[in-house]
Structures are given as structure tokens and as C-alpha cells.
């Protein structure tokens, strides 16, 4: 087997590998987008009161001590790290 034949086979194998990865990525994008549509459709069936608000968490009576602890911790941090 000559160098040119080996380079030819290497090129074919490389292109085949790139094609397989590209095809897998295309299939993965299609599957994920379809799953997103399915989950959005299933989520739209819930009443509005049951849906979570993304990006925020509801404040409950159980979270008051946590909020107080965080407030104290931030105050102590600001007091001990004053600039100037």
C-alpha cells in the first residue's frame, strides 16, 4: 500500500466520520426540539395557579427565617468589607 492510497483512505475515513457526527447532531436537534414542543403542550394543560414562575421562587411563611438569615449575612459582609 502506497502513501497516496493510505492518504486517500484517511481522507475518506475522515469525511465519513465528520458526516456521522453531523448526522447525529442534526438528529439530536430534531429530537430535542420535538421534546420541547411536547413538554410545552403538556405544560399548557395545567391551570395557571399550578405553573411555576420561572426565575423566581414564591415566598412562603417557611422561607421567612431563610430570608432573615440571608439579610443578616449580607449586612455583615458589607460591614466587614467596606471599601475606602
N, C-alpha and C. Protein backbone atom coordinates (compact mmCIF):
# COMPACT_ATOMS: atom_id res chain seq x y z
N UNK A 1 0.86 -1.17 0.00
CA UNK A 1 0.00 0.00 0.00
C UNK A 1 0.90 1.24 0.00
N UNK A 2 0.65 2.14 -0.93
CA UNK A 2 1.49 3.32 -1.05
C UNK A 2 0.95 4.44 -0.15
N UNK A 3 1.78 5.46 -0.03
CA UNK A 3 1.40 6.62 0.79
C UNK A 3 0.15 7.27 0.22
N UNK A 4 0.05 7.39 -1.08
CA UNK A 4 -1.12 8.03 -1.69
C UNK A 4 -2.40 7.25 -1.41
N UNK A 5 -2.33 5.93 -1.45
CA UNK A 5 -3.51 5.12 -1.14
C UNK A 5 -3.91 5.29 0.32
N UNK A 6 -2.90 5.32 1.20
CA UNK A 6 -3.20 5.50 2.62
C UNK A 6 -3.80 6.88 2.88
N UNK A 7 -3.28 7.91 2.22
CA UNK A 7 -3.85 9.26 2.38
C UNK A 7 -5.27 9.31 1.85
N UNK A 8 -5.52 8.61 0.76
CA UNK A 8 -6.88 8.57 0.20
C UNK A 8 -7.85 7.90 1.16
N UNK A 9 -7.43 6.77 1.73
CA UNK A 9 -8.29 6.10 2.70
C UNK A 9 -8.48 6.94 3.95
N UNK A 10 -7.44 7.64 4.37
CA UNK A 10 -7.55 8.52 5.54
C UNK A 10 -8.55 9.64 5.28
N UNK A 11 -8.50 10.22 4.09
CA UNK A 11 -9.44 11.28 3.73
C UNK A 11 -10.87 10.79 3.71
N UNK A 12 -11.08 9.61 3.15
CA UNK A 12 -12.43 9.03 3.09
C UNK A 12 -12.94 8.75 4.50
N UNK A 13 -12.08 8.17 5.34
CA UNK A 13 -12.47 7.88 6.71
C UNK A 13 -12.78 9.16 7.49
N UNK A 14 -11.99 10.19 7.25
CA UNK A 14 -12.23 11.48 7.92
C UNK A 14 -13.57 12.07 7.50
N UNK A 15 -13.84 12.09 6.21
CA UNK A 15 -15.11 12.62 5.73
C UNK A 15 -16.29 11.80 6.23
N UNK A 16 -16.13 10.47 6.29
CA UNK A 16 -17.18 9.61 6.81
C UNK A 16 -17.44 9.92 8.29
N UNK A 17 -16.38 10.10 9.07
CA UNK A 17 -16.53 10.42 10.48
C UNK A 17 -17.22 11.76 10.69
N UNK A 18 -16.83 12.76 9.92
CA UNK A 18 -17.47 14.08 10.00
C UNK A 18 -18.95 13.97 9.64
N UNK A 19 -19.26 13.19 8.62
CA UNK A 19 -20.65 13.00 8.20
C UNK A 19 -21.49 12.34 9.28
N UNK A 20 -20.92 11.33 9.95
CA UNK A 20 -21.65 10.64 11.01
C UNK A 20 -21.93 11.59 12.16
N UNK A 21 -20.92 12.37 12.57
CA UNK A 21 -21.12 13.32 13.67
C UNK A 21 -22.16 14.37 13.29
N UNK A 22 -22.08 14.89 12.08
CA UNK A 22 -23.03 15.90 11.63
C UNK A 22 -24.45 15.34 11.60
N UNK A 23 -24.60 14.12 11.11
CA UNK A 23 -25.93 13.49 11.08
C UNK A 23 -26.46 13.30 12.50
N UNK A 24 -25.60 12.87 13.42
CA UNK A 24 -26.03 12.70 14.81
C UNK A 24 -26.47 14.03 15.40
N UNK A 25 -25.74 15.10 15.14
CA UNK A 25 -26.12 16.41 15.67
C UNK A 25 -27.46 16.87 15.11
N UNK A 26 -27.70 16.64 13.83
CA UNK A 26 -28.98 17.01 13.21
C UNK A 26 -30.12 16.24 13.88
N UNK A 27 -29.93 14.94 14.06
CA UNK A 27 -30.96 14.11 14.70
C UNK A 27 -31.20 14.57 16.13
N UNK A 28 -30.13 14.91 16.86
CA UNK A 28 -30.27 15.36 18.24
C UNK A 28 -31.04 16.68 18.32
N UNK A 29 -30.78 17.61 17.41
CA UNK A 29 -31.51 18.88 17.40
C UNK A 29 -32.99 18.64 17.14
N UNK A 30 -33.30 17.76 16.21
CA UNK A 30 -34.70 17.46 15.89
C UNK A 30 -35.40 16.83 17.09
N UNK A 31 -34.75 15.86 17.74
CA UNK A 31 -35.36 15.18 18.88
C UNK A 31 -35.59 16.16 20.03
N UNK A 32 -34.61 17.01 20.31
CA UNK A 32 -34.75 17.96 21.42
C UNK A 32 -35.85 18.98 21.12
N UNK A 33 -35.94 19.46 19.90
CA UNK A 33 -36.98 20.45 19.58
C UNK A 33 -38.37 19.81 19.66
N UNK A 34 -38.50 18.56 19.24
CA UNK A 34 -39.78 17.89 19.35
C UNK A 34 -40.15 17.63 20.80
N UNK A 35 -39.16 17.26 21.62
CA UNK A 35 -39.43 17.06 23.04
C UNK A 35 -39.86 18.36 23.69
N UNK A 36 -39.26 19.47 23.31
CA UNK A 36 -39.66 20.77 23.83
C UNK A 36 -41.10 21.10 23.48
N UNK A 37 -41.49 20.81 22.26
CA UNK A 37 -42.88 21.06 21.85
C UNK A 37 -43.85 20.19 22.65
N UNK A 38 -43.47 18.94 22.88
CA UNK A 38 -44.34 18.03 23.64
C UNK A 38 -44.48 18.52 25.08
N UNK A 39 -43.36 18.92 25.71
CA UNK A 39 -43.42 19.38 27.10
C UNK A 39 -44.18 20.70 27.22
N UNK A 40 -44.01 21.59 26.23
CA UNK A 40 -44.77 22.85 26.27
C UNK A 40 -46.26 22.58 26.13
N UNK A 41 -46.62 21.64 25.27
CA UNK A 41 -48.04 21.31 25.09
C UNK A 41 -48.60 20.68 26.36
N UNK A 42 -47.85 19.83 27.01
CA UNK A 42 -48.31 19.20 28.25
C UNK A 42 -48.39 20.23 29.37
N UNK A 43 -47.49 21.21 29.36
CA UNK A 43 -47.48 22.24 30.40
C UNK A 43 -48.63 23.22 30.22
N UNK A 44 -49.10 23.42 28.98
CA UNK A 44 -50.19 24.37 28.75
C UNK A 44 -51.52 23.82 29.24
N UNK A 45 -51.59 22.52 29.51
CA UNK A 45 -52.82 21.92 30.02
C UNK A 45 -53.04 22.22 31.50
N UNK A 46 -51.98 22.61 32.22
CA UNK A 46 -52.11 22.90 33.65
C UNK A 46 -52.81 24.23 33.86
N UNK A 47 -53.55 24.38 34.94
CA UNK A 47 -54.10 25.69 35.27
C UNK A 47 -52.99 26.66 35.64
N UNK A 48 -53.26 27.94 35.49
CA UNK A 48 -52.24 28.96 35.70
C UNK A 48 -51.71 28.97 37.13
N UNK A 49 -52.51 28.63 38.12
CA UNK A 49 -52.06 28.67 39.51
C UNK A 49 -51.05 27.56 39.79
N UNK A 50 -51.07 26.47 39.03
CA UNK A 50 -50.15 25.38 39.26
C UNK A 50 -48.81 25.57 38.57
N UNK A 51 -48.73 26.48 37.62
CA UNK A 51 -47.49 26.67 36.88
C UNK A 51 -46.49 27.43 37.72
N UNK A 52 -45.23 26.98 37.74
CA UNK A 52 -44.21 27.73 38.48
C UNK A 52 -43.82 28.98 37.71
N UNK A 53 -43.40 29.98 38.44
CA UNK A 53 -42.90 31.21 37.83
C UNK A 53 -41.40 31.04 37.68
N UNK A 54 -40.92 31.00 36.45
CA UNK A 54 -39.51 30.74 36.22
C UNK A 54 -38.70 31.99 36.56
N UNK A 55 -37.58 31.78 37.21
CA UNK A 55 -36.71 32.89 37.57
C UNK A 55 -37.00 33.46 38.94
N UNK A 56 -38.02 33.02 39.60
CA UNK A 56 -38.31 33.49 40.94
C UNK A 56 -38.93 32.36 41.73
N UNK A 57 -38.78 32.45 43.02
CA UNK A 57 -39.40 31.43 43.86
C UNK A 57 -40.43 32.11 44.75
N UNK A 58 -41.55 31.47 44.99
CA UNK A 58 -42.57 32.08 45.82
C UNK A 58 -42.11 32.17 47.27
N UNK A 59 -42.46 33.26 47.91
CA UNK A 59 -42.12 33.44 49.31
C UNK A 59 -43.23 32.85 50.15
N UNK A 60 -42.86 31.91 51.02
CA UNK A 60 -43.84 31.28 51.89
C UNK A 60 -43.49 31.62 53.33
N UNK A 61 -44.36 31.25 54.23
CA UNK A 61 -44.10 31.52 55.64
C UNK A 61 -42.90 30.73 56.14
N UNK A 62 -42.59 29.60 55.49
CA UNK A 62 -41.44 28.79 55.89
C UNK A 62 -40.12 29.41 55.47
N UNK A 63 -40.15 30.30 54.48
CA UNK A 63 -38.90 30.87 53.99
C UNK A 63 -38.52 32.15 54.71
N UNK A 64 -39.33 32.64 55.63
CA UNK A 64 -39.01 33.87 56.36
C UNK A 64 -37.70 33.75 57.15
N UNK A 65 -37.43 32.66 57.88
CA UNK A 65 -36.14 32.56 58.57
C UNK A 65 -34.95 32.54 57.62
N UNK A 66 -35.13 31.94 56.46
CA UNK A 66 -34.05 31.91 55.48
C UNK A 66 -33.77 33.31 54.97
N UNK A 67 -34.82 34.05 54.67
CA UNK A 67 -34.65 35.43 54.19
C UNK A 67 -33.98 36.28 55.26
N UNK A 68 -34.36 36.10 56.52
CA UNK A 68 -33.75 36.85 57.60
C UNK A 68 -32.27 36.51 57.73
N UNK A 69 -31.92 35.24 57.62
CA UNK A 69 -30.52 34.83 57.73
C UNK A 69 -29.69 35.40 56.59
N UNK A 70 -30.23 35.39 55.40
CA UNK A 70 -29.52 35.94 54.25
C UNK A 70 -29.33 37.44 54.41
N UNK A 71 -30.35 38.14 54.90
CA UNK A 71 -30.26 39.58 55.11
C UNK A 71 -29.17 39.91 56.12
N UNK A 72 -29.11 39.17 57.22
CA UNK A 72 -28.08 39.40 58.23
C UNK A 72 -26.70 39.11 57.65
N UNK A 73 -26.57 38.03 56.89
CA UNK A 73 -25.28 37.66 56.32
C UNK A 73 -24.78 38.72 55.34
N UNK A 74 -25.68 39.24 54.52
CA UNK A 74 -25.29 40.28 53.56
C UNK A 74 -24.89 41.55 54.31
N UNK A 75 -25.62 41.91 55.35
CA UNK A 75 -25.28 43.09 56.15
C UNK A 75 -23.92 42.95 56.80
N UNK A 76 -23.62 41.78 57.37
CA UNK A 76 -22.31 41.55 57.99
C UNK A 76 -21.20 41.58 56.95
N UNK A 77 -21.45 41.03 55.79
CA UNK A 77 -20.45 41.04 54.73
C UNK A 77 -20.15 42.48 54.30
N UNK A 78 -21.18 43.27 54.12
CA UNK A 78 -20.97 44.67 53.71
C UNK A 78 -20.25 45.46 54.79
N UNK A 79 -20.56 45.18 56.07
CA UNK A 79 -19.93 45.88 57.16
C UNK A 79 -18.42 45.54 57.24
N UNK A 80 -18.10 44.28 57.05
CA UNK A 80 -16.71 43.85 57.21
C UNK A 80 -15.87 44.11 55.96
N UNK A 81 -16.49 44.38 54.83
CA UNK A 81 -15.74 44.59 53.58
C UNK A 81 -15.95 45.97 53.00
N UNK A 82 -16.02 46.97 53.87
CA UNK A 82 -16.20 48.34 53.36
C UNK A 82 -14.97 48.78 52.59
N UNK A 83 -15.21 49.38 51.45
CA UNK A 83 -14.12 49.89 50.63
C UNK A 83 -13.89 51.36 50.98
N UNK A 84 -12.64 51.76 51.11
CA UNK A 84 -12.38 53.19 51.31
C UNK A 84 -11.90 53.51 52.61
